[in-house]
N, C-alpha and C. Protein backbone atom coordinates (compact mmCIF):
# COMPACT_ATOMS: atom_id res chain seq x y z
N LEU A 1 -28.17 -2.84 158.52
CA LEU A 1 -28.32 -4.16 158.18
C LEU A 1 -27.45 -4.52 156.81
N PHE A 2 -27.49 -3.37 156.00
CA PHE A 2 -26.74 -3.54 154.62
C PHE A 2 -25.40 -3.78 155.02
N TRP A 3 -24.70 -2.98 155.76
CA TRP A 3 -23.36 -3.14 156.16
C TRP A 3 -22.89 -4.42 156.70
N VAL A 4 -23.85 -4.95 157.77
CA VAL A 4 -23.72 -6.19 158.20
C VAL A 4 -23.61 -7.27 157.21
N ASN A 5 -24.44 -7.06 156.18
CA ASN A 5 -24.53 -8.16 155.16
C ASN A 5 -23.01 -8.01 154.21
N ILE A 6 -22.84 -6.89 154.05
CA ILE A 6 -21.39 -6.47 153.18
C ILE A 6 -20.25 -7.26 153.92
N GLY A 7 -20.26 -6.95 155.30
CA GLY A 7 -19.07 -7.55 156.09
C GLY A 7 -19.06 -8.92 156.13
N ALA A 8 -20.46 -9.53 156.30
CA ALA A 8 -20.47 -10.90 156.21
C ALA A 8 -19.82 -11.61 155.01
N ALA A 9 -20.38 -10.96 153.90
CA ALA A 9 -19.95 -11.49 152.69
C ALA A 9 -18.34 -11.51 152.41
N THR A 10 -17.80 -10.35 152.97
CA THR A 10 -16.37 -10.25 153.03
C THR A 10 -15.80 -11.31 153.91
N VAL A 11 -16.25 -11.52 155.14
CA VAL A 11 -15.71 -12.52 155.93
C VAL A 11 -15.90 -13.93 155.35
N GLY A 12 -16.93 -14.03 154.63
CA GLY A 12 -17.07 -15.20 154.00
C GLY A 12 -16.17 -15.68 153.08
N LEU A 13 -15.34 -14.72 152.61
CA LEU A 13 -14.39 -14.82 151.50
C LEU A 13 -13.01 -15.21 152.13
N LEU A 14 -12.91 -15.23 153.50
CA LEU A 14 -11.56 -15.42 154.30
C LEU A 14 -11.07 -16.97 153.85
N PRO A 15 -11.99 -17.79 153.80
CA PRO A 15 -11.44 -19.18 153.47
C PRO A 15 -10.65 -19.28 152.18
N LEU A 16 -11.14 -18.45 151.25
CA LEU A 16 -10.48 -18.35 149.86
C LEU A 16 -9.08 -17.95 150.16
N MET A 17 -8.76 -17.02 151.22
CA MET A 17 -7.31 -16.48 151.29
C MET A 17 -6.51 -17.75 151.68
N LEU A 18 -7.24 -18.52 152.61
CA LEU A 18 -6.46 -19.70 153.12
C LEU A 18 -5.88 -20.71 152.11
N VAL A 19 -6.94 -20.91 151.17
CA VAL A 19 -6.72 -21.79 150.13
C VAL A 19 -5.75 -21.52 149.12
N THR A 20 -5.89 -20.06 148.77
CA THR A 20 -4.70 -19.66 148.04
C THR A 20 -3.38 -19.20 148.72
N ARG A 21 -3.42 -19.40 150.05
CA ARG A 21 -2.20 -19.24 150.85
C ARG A 21 -1.88 -17.64 150.82
N ALA A 22 -2.74 -16.83 150.76
CA ALA A 22 -2.47 -15.34 150.92
C ALA A 22 -2.11 -14.82 152.16
N ASN A 23 -2.80 -15.60 153.09
CA ASN A 23 -2.60 -15.31 154.46
C ASN A 23 -0.98 -15.44 154.78
N LEU A 24 -0.17 -16.32 154.31
CA LEU A 24 1.25 -16.50 154.43
C LEU A 24 2.06 -15.21 153.70
N ALA A 25 1.36 -14.70 152.59
CA ALA A 25 1.96 -13.53 151.99
C ALA A 25 2.06 -12.43 152.97
N ILE A 26 0.81 -12.32 153.61
CA ILE A 26 0.79 -11.29 154.37
C ILE A 26 1.34 -11.32 155.93
N GLY A 27 1.92 -12.68 156.18
CA GLY A 27 2.51 -12.92 157.44
C GLY A 27 1.72 -13.53 158.65
N ILE A 28 0.74 -14.26 158.12
CA ILE A 28 -0.37 -14.79 159.25
C ILE A 28 -0.33 -16.23 158.94
N PRO A 29 0.37 -16.95 160.04
CA PRO A 29 0.50 -18.49 159.88
C PRO A 29 -0.96 -18.98 159.74
N ASP A 30 -0.86 -20.22 159.21
CA ASP A 30 -2.37 -20.90 158.81
C ASP A 30 -2.99 -21.23 160.24
N GLN A 31 -2.40 -21.53 161.31
CA GLN A 31 -3.32 -21.85 162.64
C GLN A 31 -3.86 -20.71 163.00
N ALA A 32 -3.14 -19.44 163.16
CA ALA A 32 -3.73 -18.20 163.66
C ALA A 32 -4.66 -17.81 162.65
N PHE A 33 -4.63 -17.90 161.48
CA PHE A 33 -5.75 -17.55 160.35
C PHE A 33 -6.92 -18.20 160.52
N VAL A 34 -6.79 -19.52 160.88
CA VAL A 34 -8.15 -20.19 160.98
C VAL A 34 -8.82 -19.90 162.29
N LEU A 35 -8.06 -19.99 163.31
CA LEU A 35 -8.67 -19.63 164.63
C LEU A 35 -9.16 -18.11 164.61
N GLY A 36 -8.52 -16.96 163.87
CA GLY A 36 -9.25 -15.72 163.83
C GLY A 36 -10.42 -15.80 162.99
N ASP A 37 -10.25 -16.56 161.80
CA ASP A 37 -11.43 -16.60 160.90
C ASP A 37 -12.65 -17.09 161.51
N ASP A 38 -12.59 -18.29 162.44
CA ASP A 38 -13.63 -18.75 163.00
C ASP A 38 -14.19 -17.98 164.04
N VAL A 39 -13.40 -17.00 164.84
CA VAL A 39 -13.92 -16.06 165.81
C VAL A 39 -14.63 -14.95 165.14
N ILE A 40 -14.05 -14.55 164.00
CA ILE A 40 -14.68 -13.29 163.28
C ILE A 40 -16.08 -13.96 162.68
N GLN A 41 -16.30 -15.22 162.07
CA GLN A 41 -17.36 -15.54 161.57
C GLN A 41 -18.62 -15.84 162.69
N THR A 42 -18.10 -16.27 163.86
CA THR A 42 -19.01 -16.46 164.95
C THR A 42 -19.51 -15.14 165.53
N VAL A 43 -18.71 -14.25 165.57
CA VAL A 43 -19.09 -12.76 166.04
C VAL A 43 -20.01 -12.25 164.93
N ALA A 44 -19.82 -12.27 163.74
CA ALA A 44 -20.54 -11.72 162.64
C ALA A 44 -21.81 -12.46 162.67
N GLY A 45 -22.02 -13.79 162.93
CA GLY A 45 -23.19 -14.30 162.75
C GLY A 45 -24.25 -14.11 164.01
N GLU A 46 -23.45 -13.88 164.97
CA GLU A 46 -24.33 -13.22 166.35
C GLU A 46 -24.79 -11.97 165.93
N LEU A 47 -24.16 -11.09 165.38
CA LEU A 47 -24.44 -9.77 164.86
C LEU A 47 -25.64 -9.62 164.09
N ALA A 48 -25.38 -10.60 163.18
CA ALA A 48 -26.49 -10.71 162.07
C ALA A 48 -27.94 -11.28 162.73
N HIS A 49 -28.06 -11.84 163.81
CA HIS A 49 -28.97 -12.41 164.55
C HIS A 49 -29.65 -11.49 165.43
N MET A 50 -28.93 -10.33 165.72
CA MET A 50 -29.35 -9.32 166.96
C MET A 50 -30.58 -8.83 166.49
N PRO A 51 -30.81 -8.20 165.10
CA PRO A 51 -32.11 -7.52 164.72
C PRO A 51 -33.25 -8.53 164.93
N VAL A 52 -33.05 -9.85 164.65
CA VAL A 52 -34.39 -10.86 164.77
C VAL A 52 -34.61 -10.88 166.39
N LEU A 53 -33.56 -10.89 167.34
CA LEU A 53 -33.70 -11.03 168.74
C LEU A 53 -34.50 -9.82 169.32
N VAL A 54 -34.07 -8.55 168.68
CA VAL A 54 -34.74 -7.56 169.40
C VAL A 54 -36.09 -7.33 168.90
N LEU A 55 -36.24 -7.65 167.59
CA LEU A 55 -37.77 -7.70 167.13
C LEU A 55 -38.64 -8.86 167.99
N ALA A 56 -38.04 -9.89 168.17
CA ALA A 56 -38.68 -10.74 168.98
C ALA A 56 -39.16 -10.26 170.48
N ALA A 57 -38.07 -9.52 171.02
CA ALA A 57 -38.25 -9.18 172.27
C ALA A 57 -39.49 -8.19 172.42
N GLN A 58 -39.55 -7.40 171.29
CA GLN A 58 -40.54 -6.22 171.12
C GLN A 58 -41.81 -6.98 170.95
N LEU A 59 -41.94 -8.04 170.26
CA LEU A 59 -43.31 -8.56 169.89
C LEU A 59 -43.68 -9.57 170.95
N CYS A 60 -42.85 -10.03 171.84
CA CYS A 60 -43.33 -10.92 172.64
C CYS A 60 -44.21 -10.60 173.79
N PRO A 61 -45.30 -11.14 174.20
CA PRO A 61 -46.32 -10.91 175.29
C PRO A 61 -45.55 -11.00 176.59
N PRO A 62 -45.94 -10.38 177.52
CA PRO A 62 -45.16 -10.32 178.92
C PRO A 62 -45.49 -11.64 179.55
N GLY A 63 -44.41 -12.21 180.20
CA GLY A 63 -44.49 -13.59 181.03
C GLY A 63 -44.06 -14.67 180.14
N VAL A 64 -43.91 -14.60 178.90
CA VAL A 64 -43.52 -15.82 178.07
C VAL A 64 -42.21 -15.41 177.31
N GLU A 65 -41.36 -14.67 177.74
CA GLU A 65 -40.15 -14.13 177.05
C GLU A 65 -39.26 -15.26 177.08
N ALA A 66 -39.16 -15.97 178.22
CA ALA A 66 -38.11 -17.13 178.12
C ALA A 66 -38.49 -18.36 177.27
N THR A 67 -39.77 -18.55 177.06
CA THR A 67 -40.47 -19.64 176.29
C THR A 67 -40.17 -19.17 174.81
N PHE A 68 -40.39 -17.98 174.50
CA PHE A 68 -40.29 -17.42 173.20
C PHE A 68 -38.74 -17.45 172.69
N PHE A 69 -37.98 -17.01 173.52
CA PHE A 69 -36.55 -17.22 173.28
C PHE A 69 -36.11 -18.60 172.96
N ALA A 70 -36.62 -19.51 173.78
CA ALA A 70 -36.25 -20.84 173.72
C ALA A 70 -36.89 -21.45 172.30
N LEU A 71 -38.12 -21.04 171.95
CA LEU A 71 -38.54 -21.42 170.64
C LEU A 71 -37.79 -20.75 169.37
N LEU A 72 -37.33 -19.45 169.63
CA LEU A 72 -36.51 -18.91 168.57
C LEU A 72 -35.29 -19.65 168.37
N MET A 73 -34.79 -19.93 169.56
CA MET A 73 -33.48 -20.58 169.53
C MET A 73 -33.40 -22.07 168.72
N SER A 74 -34.43 -22.77 169.16
CA SER A 74 -34.81 -24.13 168.79
C SER A 74 -34.83 -24.11 167.18
N VAL A 75 -35.74 -23.07 166.47
CA VAL A 75 -35.72 -23.02 165.20
C VAL A 75 -34.44 -22.58 164.56
N LEU A 76 -33.80 -21.81 165.16
CA LEU A 76 -32.47 -21.33 164.66
C LEU A 76 -31.47 -22.69 164.62
N ASN A 77 -31.40 -23.31 165.50
CA ASN A 77 -30.72 -24.56 165.73
C ASN A 77 -31.09 -25.60 164.72
N LEU A 78 -32.45 -25.80 164.52
CA LEU A 78 -32.87 -26.70 163.59
C LEU A 78 -32.44 -26.46 162.01
N SER A 79 -32.71 -25.05 161.99
CA SER A 79 -32.51 -24.83 160.55
C SER A 79 -31.13 -24.81 160.23
N GLY A 80 -30.05 -24.52 161.30
CA GLY A 80 -28.67 -24.81 160.96
C GLY A 80 -28.33 -26.17 160.86
N PHE A 81 -28.88 -27.05 161.57
CA PHE A 81 -28.75 -28.52 161.47
C PHE A 81 -29.29 -28.93 159.97
N ALA A 82 -30.52 -28.48 159.70
CA ALA A 82 -30.94 -28.83 158.31
C ALA A 82 -30.12 -28.38 157.28
N ALA A 83 -29.51 -27.33 157.25
CA ALA A 83 -28.70 -26.65 156.37
C ALA A 83 -27.30 -27.23 156.10
N SER A 84 -26.82 -27.78 157.55
CA SER A 84 -25.51 -28.58 157.20
C SER A 84 -25.88 -30.15 156.78
N PHE A 85 -26.94 -30.58 157.19
CA PHE A 85 -27.37 -31.86 156.58
C PHE A 85 -27.55 -31.94 155.00
N ILE A 86 -28.11 -30.88 154.60
CA ILE A 86 -28.57 -30.81 153.24
C ILE A 86 -27.45 -30.56 152.28
N GLY A 87 -26.38 -29.62 153.09
CA GLY A 87 -25.31 -29.12 152.08
C GLY A 87 -25.45 -27.99 151.58
């Protein structure tokens, strides 16, 4: 989990490379860099949620797995919406 957070912090700095135009210095065009950055951040975000999903699957009582997963995803989406709304 420590290395996932270190990787996420490093990936979070990639927009700084775009603003400073360092991507052009290493030969990556803006369009490719933005697309690659978005893909990397999405994958890193999913990997960061994986421990929570595994723990939820282990703690969930039998027969309500789908309901519990839906509740967990609803809370995750609501928190993401609130974070983007608040800024």
